[in-house]
Protein backbone atom coordinates (compact mmCIF):
# COMPACT_ATOMS: atom_id res chain seq x y z
CA MET A 1 15.27 -17.35 31.32
CA ASN A 2 16.72 -16.61 34.77
CA MET A 3 16.17 -18.68 37.88
CA LEU A 4 13.35 -16.57 39.36
CA GLU A 5 11.44 -16.54 36.07
CA ALA A 6 11.80 -20.30 35.80
CA LEU A 7 10.55 -20.81 39.35
CA GLY A 8 7.64 -18.50 38.59
CA MET A 9 6.73 -20.61 35.56
CA ASN A 10 6.88 -23.73 37.71
CA PHE A 11 4.62 -22.18 40.34
CA ALA A 12 2.10 -21.03 37.74
CA LEU A 13 2.02 -24.54 36.26
CA LEU A 14 1.43 -26.01 39.71
CA VAL A 15 -1.46 -23.62 40.37
CA ILE A 16 -3.11 -24.50 37.03
CA ILE A 17 -2.81 -28.23 37.69
CA MET A 18 -4.17 -27.86 41.21
CA ILE A 19 -7.20 -25.93 39.94
CA VAL A 20 -7.97 -28.66 37.41
CA LEU A 21 -7.64 -31.36 40.08
CA TRP A 22 -9.80 -29.34 42.47
CA LEU A 23 -12.56 -29.24 39.84
CA ILE A 24 -12.24 -33.00 39.37
CA SER A 25 -12.46 -33.55 43.13
CA ILE A 26 -15.69 -31.52 43.22
CA ARG A 27 -17.18 -33.66 40.48
CA ILE A 28 -16.34 -36.97 42.20
CA ARG A 29 -16.75 -35.51 45.73
CA ASP A 30 -13.44 -36.93 46.93
CA VAL A 31 -10.09 -35.21 47.50
CA SER A 32 -8.23 -38.34 48.59
CA PHE A 33 -6.19 -38.60 45.39
CA ILE A 34 -4.32 -35.47 46.46
CA ASP A 35 -1.74 -37.71 48.16
CA ALA A 36 -0.87 -39.28 44.81
CA PHE A 37 -0.50 -35.87 43.24
CA TRP A 38 1.82 -34.76 46.04
CA ALA A 39 4.35 -37.25 44.68
CA TYR A 40 3.53 -36.73 40.99
CA GLY A 41 3.73 -32.98 41.52
CA MET A 42 7.35 -33.21 42.66
CA ALA A 43 8.23 -35.07 39.45
CA ILE A 44 6.37 -32.45 37.41
CA MET A 45 8.23 -29.56 39.10
CA ALA A 46 11.58 -31.27 38.46
CA SER A 47 10.64 -31.94 34.85
CA ALA A 48 9.46 -28.35 34.33
CA SER A 49 12.81 -27.14 35.68
CA PHE A 50 14.70 -29.55 33.45
CA VAL A 51 13.04 -28.41 30.21
CA GLN A 52 13.95 -24.81 31.09
CA THR A 53 17.65 -25.70 31.47
CA ASP A 54 19.99 -25.08 28.54
CA ASN A 55 22.54 -27.82 27.84
CA PRO A 56 21.89 -29.86 31.03
CA GLY A 57 24.80 -31.93 32.31
CA THR A 58 25.10 -35.06 34.43
CA LEU A 59 24.16 -33.25 37.64
CA ALA A 60 20.91 -31.88 36.23
CA TYR A 61 20.03 -35.27 34.74
CA THR A 62 20.74 -37.00 38.07
CA ILE A 63 18.56 -34.65 40.13
CA TRP A 64 15.74 -34.91 37.60
CA ALA A 65 15.99 -38.71 37.40
CA LEU A 66 16.00 -39.18 41.18
CA THR A 67 13.02 -36.88 41.67
CA ALA A 68 11.08 -38.44 38.80
CA LEU A 69 11.82 -41.97 40.02
CA TRP A 70 10.69 -41.13 43.55
CA GLY A 71 7.60 -39.21 42.43
CA ILE A 72 6.33 -41.58 39.75
CA ARG A 73 6.88 -44.69 41.89
CA LEU A 74 5.18 -43.27 44.98
CA GLY A 75 2.46 -41.42 43.06
CA THR A 76 1.47 -44.57 41.18
CA HIS A 77 1.47 -46.61 44.39
CA LEU A 78 -0.80 -44.09 46.14
CA PHE A 79 -3.08 -43.64 43.13
CA LEU A 80 -3.65 -47.38 42.77
CA ARG A 81 -4.29 -47.67 46.50
CA TRP A 82 -6.87 -44.88 46.28
CA ARG A 83 -8.57 -46.53 43.31
CA LYS A 84 -8.82 -49.76 45.29
CA GLU A 85 -9.77 -48.43 48.73
CA GLY A 86 -11.78 -45.32 47.84
CA VAL A 87 -12.23 -42.29 50.07
CA ASP A 88 -9.47 -41.86 52.64
CA PRO A 89 -11.03 -41.67 56.15
CA ARG A 90 -8.62 -38.86 57.08
CA TYR A 91 -9.87 -36.60 54.32
CA LYS A 92 -13.47 -37.65 54.91
CA LYS A 93 -13.09 -36.46 58.51
CA ILE A 94 -11.41 -33.19 57.49
CA MET A 95 -14.04 -32.43 54.87
CA GLY A 96 -16.90 -33.43 57.16
CA ARG A 97 -15.68 -31.14 59.93
CA ALA A 98 -15.34 -28.20 57.55
CA MET A 99 -18.78 -28.73 56.08
CA GLU A 100 -20.68 -29.51 59.28
CA LYS A 101 -18.96 -27.27 61.83
CA GLN A 102 -17.77 -24.42 59.63
CA GLY A 103 -20.64 -24.40 57.17
CA MET A 104 -18.49 -24.74 54.07
CA SER A 105 -19.69 -26.19 50.79
CA PHE A 106 -17.81 -29.22 49.50
CA ALA A 107 -16.15 -27.09 46.82
CA ARG A 108 -14.92 -24.49 49.30
CA ALA A 109 -13.75 -27.10 51.81
CA ALA A 110 -11.88 -28.98 49.08
CA LEU A 111 -10.17 -25.78 47.98
CA LEU A 112 -9.23 -24.41 51.40
CA LYS A 113 -8.62 -27.61 53.36
CA ALA A 114 -6.84 -29.59 50.64
CA TRP A 115 -5.74 -28.17 47.32
CA ALA A 116 -4.83 -24.54 48.10
CA MET A 117 -2.63 -25.35 51.09
CA GLN A 118 -0.78 -28.03 49.13
CA ILE A 119 0.48 -25.59 46.49
CA PRO A 120 3.08 -23.70 48.59
CA LEU A 121 4.01 -26.80 50.61
CA LEU A 122 4.71 -28.95 47.56
CA PHE A 123 6.61 -26.12 45.88
CA ILE A 124 8.80 -25.53 48.95
CA VAL A 125 9.57 -29.19 49.62
CA CYS A 126 10.58 -29.60 45.97
CA LEU A 127 12.83 -26.50 45.95
CA PRO A 128 16.12 -28.45 46.26
CA ALA A 129 15.34 -30.36 43.07
CA GLN A 130 14.09 -27.30 41.19
CA LEU A 131 17.02 -25.09 42.17
CA GLY A 132 19.58 -27.84 41.72
CA ILE A 133 18.44 -28.49 38.16
CA LEU A 134 18.13 -24.82 37.22
CA LEU A 135 21.57 -23.94 38.60
CA ALA A 136 23.45 -27.07 37.50
CA GLY A 137 23.90 -26.17 33.86
CA ALA A 138 26.39 -28.55 32.28
CA ASP A 139 28.04 -29.49 35.60
CA GLY A 140 28.98 -33.07 36.40
CA LEU A 141 28.76 -34.96 39.69
CA SER A 142 31.00 -34.07 42.62
CA LEU A 143 31.78 -36.45 45.48
CA VAL A 144 29.07 -34.79 47.59
CA SER A 145 26.55 -35.31 44.78
CA ILE A 146 27.53 -38.97 44.45
CA ILE A 147 27.03 -39.50 48.19
CA GLY A 148 23.65 -37.78 47.95
CA THR A 149 22.67 -39.99 45.02
CA VAL A 150 23.45 -43.11 47.05
CA ILE A 151 21.40 -41.83 50.01
CA ALA A 152 18.46 -40.96 47.76
CA LEU A 153 18.53 -44.37 46.06
CA VAL A 154 18.68 -46.12 49.42
CA GLY A 155 15.65 -44.12 50.51
CA ILE A 156 13.68 -44.91 47.35
CA GLY A 157 14.56 -48.59 47.66
CA PHE A 158 13.73 -48.68 51.37
CA GLU A 159 10.35 -47.04 50.80
CA THR A 160 9.53 -49.28 47.85
CA ILE A 161 10.30 -52.49 49.76
CA GLY A 162 8.36 -51.26 52.79
CA ASP A 163 5.30 -50.47 50.65
CA MET A 164 5.49 -53.88 48.95
CA GLN A 165 5.67 -55.67 52.30
CA LEU A 166 2.71 -53.70 53.65
CA LYS A 167 0.66 -54.35 50.52
CA ALA A 168 1.31 -58.11 50.77
CA PHE A 169 0.44 -58.04 54.48
CA LYS A 170 -2.89 -56.29 53.87
CA ALA A 171 -3.74 -58.69 51.05
CA ASN A 172 -3.51 -61.67 53.42
CA PRO A 173 -6.92 -62.26 55.13
CA ALA A 174 -5.08 -63.73 58.15
CA SER A 175 -3.51 -60.30 58.80
CA LYS A 176 -6.80 -58.58 59.62
CA GLY A 177 -6.49 -56.72 62.93
CA LYS A 178 -2.82 -57.66 63.29
CA VAL A 179 0.36 -55.59 63.20
CA LEU A 180 3.04 -55.95 60.52
CA ASP A 181 6.27 -56.52 62.45
CA SER A 182 8.42 -58.42 59.97
CA GLY A 183 10.73 -57.38 57.13
CA LEU A 184 11.70 -53.71 57.31
CA TRP A 185 8.78 -53.13 59.67
CA LYS A 186 10.70 -55.10 62.29
CA TYR A 187 13.30 -52.32 62.49
CA THR A 188 11.17 -49.19 62.11
CA ARG A 189 7.47 -48.55 62.47
CA HIS A 190 7.56 -46.35 59.38
CA PRO A 191 9.95 -47.62 56.68
CA ASN A 192 8.01 -45.73 54.01
CA TYR A 193 8.40 -42.41 55.83
CA PHE A 194 12.07 -43.10 56.55
CA GLY A 195 12.51 -43.77 52.83
CA ASP A 196 10.97 -40.37 52.02
CA PHE A 197 13.31 -38.76 54.54
CA CYS A 198 16.40 -40.30 52.93
CA ALA A 199 15.22 -39.61 49.38
CA TRP A 200 14.74 -35.88 49.90
CA TRP A 201 17.79 -35.26 52.05
CA GLY A 202 19.73 -37.22 49.42
CA ILE A 203 18.35 -35.05 46.61
CA TRP A 204 19.22 -31.93 48.58
CA LEU A 205 22.78 -33.22 49.04
CA VAL A 206 23.09 -33.97 45.32
CA ALA A 207 22.16 -30.35 44.57
CA ALA A 208 24.11 -28.80 47.48
CA PRO A 209 27.29 -28.04 45.45
CA MET A 210 25.23 -25.43 43.56
CA GLY A 211 25.67 -23.04 46.48
CA TRP A 212 23.66 -20.91 48.86
CA PRO A 213 20.26 -20.98 47.07
CA VAL A 214 20.20 -24.75 47.50
CA TRP A 215 21.56 -24.51 51.04
CA LEU A 216 18.62 -22.24 51.93
CA ALA A 217 16.29 -24.71 50.20
CA ALA A 218 17.06 -27.14 53.04
CA ILE A 219 13.81 -25.71 54.41
CA GLY A 220 12.14 -28.21 52.04
CA PRO A 221 13.49 -31.47 53.49
CA LEU A 222 13.37 -29.90 56.98
CA PHE A 223 9.65 -29.26 56.62
CA LEU A 224 9.12 -32.73 55.15
CA SER A 225 11.01 -34.29 58.08
CA PHE A 226 8.84 -32.37 60.56
CA THR A 227 5.70 -33.44 58.72
CA LEU A 228 6.68 -37.11 58.66
CA MET A 229 7.90 -37.35 62.25
CA LYS A 230 5.88 -34.78 64.20
CA TRP A 231 2.80 -33.61 62.33
CA SER A 232 0.60 -35.39 59.78
CA GLY A 233 2.76 -38.46 59.14
CA ALA A 234 3.64 -40.90 61.91
CA PRO A 235 1.70 -39.24 64.79
CA LEU A 236 -1.63 -39.15 62.94
CA LEU A 237 -1.25 -42.70 61.63
CA GLU A 238 -0.22 -44.13 64.99
CA LYS A 239 -3.14 -42.50 66.76
CA SER A 240 -5.49 -44.46 64.52
CA LEU A 241 -3.51 -47.71 64.75
CA LYS A 242 -3.43 -47.66 68.55
CA GLN A 243 -7.20 -47.41 68.58
CA ASN A 244 -7.82 -50.16 66.02
CA ARG A 245 -5.05 -52.69 66.71
CA PRO A 246 -4.64 -53.97 70.30
CA ASP A 247 -1.12 -55.26 69.64
CA TYR A 248 0.17 -51.92 68.40
CA ALA A 249 1.13 -50.66 71.87
CA ASP A 250 3.47 -53.63 72.31
CA TYR A 251 4.83 -53.05 68.80
CA ILE A 252 5.67 -49.47 69.80
CA GLU A 253 7.54 -50.71 72.86
CA ARG A 254 9.89 -52.93 70.89
CA THR A 255 10.24 -51.08 67.55
CA SER A 256 12.01 -47.85 66.65
CA GLY A 257 9.65 -45.01 65.81
CA PHE A 258 11.49 -43.78 62.72
CA PHE A 259 15.18 -44.55 62.20
CA PRO A 260 15.81 -48.29 61.64
CA MET A 261 17.27 -50.00 64.70
CA PRO A 262 17.38 -53.57 66.04
CA PRO A 263 14.14 -54.38 67.86
CA ARG A 264 14.14 -54.10 71.61
CA ASN A 265 13.37 -57.23 73.63
CA ALA A 266 11.80 -57.52 77.04
CA ALA A 267 15.17 -57.42 78.77
CA ASN A 268 16.00 -54.11 77.14
CA LYS A 269 12.82 -52.27 78.09
C-alpha cells in the first residue's frame, strides 16, 4: 500500500469513529468528551499508520511510541476530568448559541459545531506522525530524530507535571477562587499548552529526516501552535479566568504567557 492509500485509510477510519462518537453525543446530549478524543485520535492515527508499515524500524517505533504516549496520557486525563466535572461550559455555550440563535437541532449542532470540523483539523495536526511512520520503513534514528525525541519527551513530561499540579490545586478546598502560581505555573501561565507545543514540534523533528512530505507537514504543529497561543487555547481560557478570579490580572503581570521564564517582580514591570 502506498502512502496516499494509507493516509486515505486513516482518514476513513477517523470519519467512522467520529460518526460513532457523534451518535453517542446525541444520546447523552453532551459533546464535551470530544477534547479527550482529540488526544486519543492522534494515537489512533499513529497506530493505524504503524500497522500499515512493512518491517518498521527504530524510527517508526519511536514516532508511534511518542504519539501514543502523548495521546493516551492526555486523552485519559481529559476523559476522567469530563467524567468528574460533566458538561464543559465552553461547549454548552457553543451548542446553546447554535440551537437558540441559528435554530439548529442538537444533533445538527453537534455535527457541524463539534465533530465534523475536528476531522480535518485532527488529521492535519497528526500528519507529521502519520507521514513519519509511513515513510520511515526500517530506518533508525538520526541525530535530528534523537534531538526531536528529547524535545517531545520534555514536552510530555512538562504537560504531565503541569496537569498534576493543577489537579492537586483544584482538589484543595482552600484554592477556591485563587490562582495557581506555584510549581511550573510560576514560570508560565500555560505549562500544559507549552507541553503540547514541545511534544508536537518534537515529533515533527523526529520525522523530519524523511524529507519534504514531512517538512510540508509542519503545517500541523504550526496550526496547533496558533490554536494554543492565539485562538481557542490560552486566549479563550484567560478571558474566563480574568472574569472569575480577581487575582488573575496580577498573575498575568508577573508570569510569562506561554514560554517558561522567571517570574517578573514589581521592580521589573
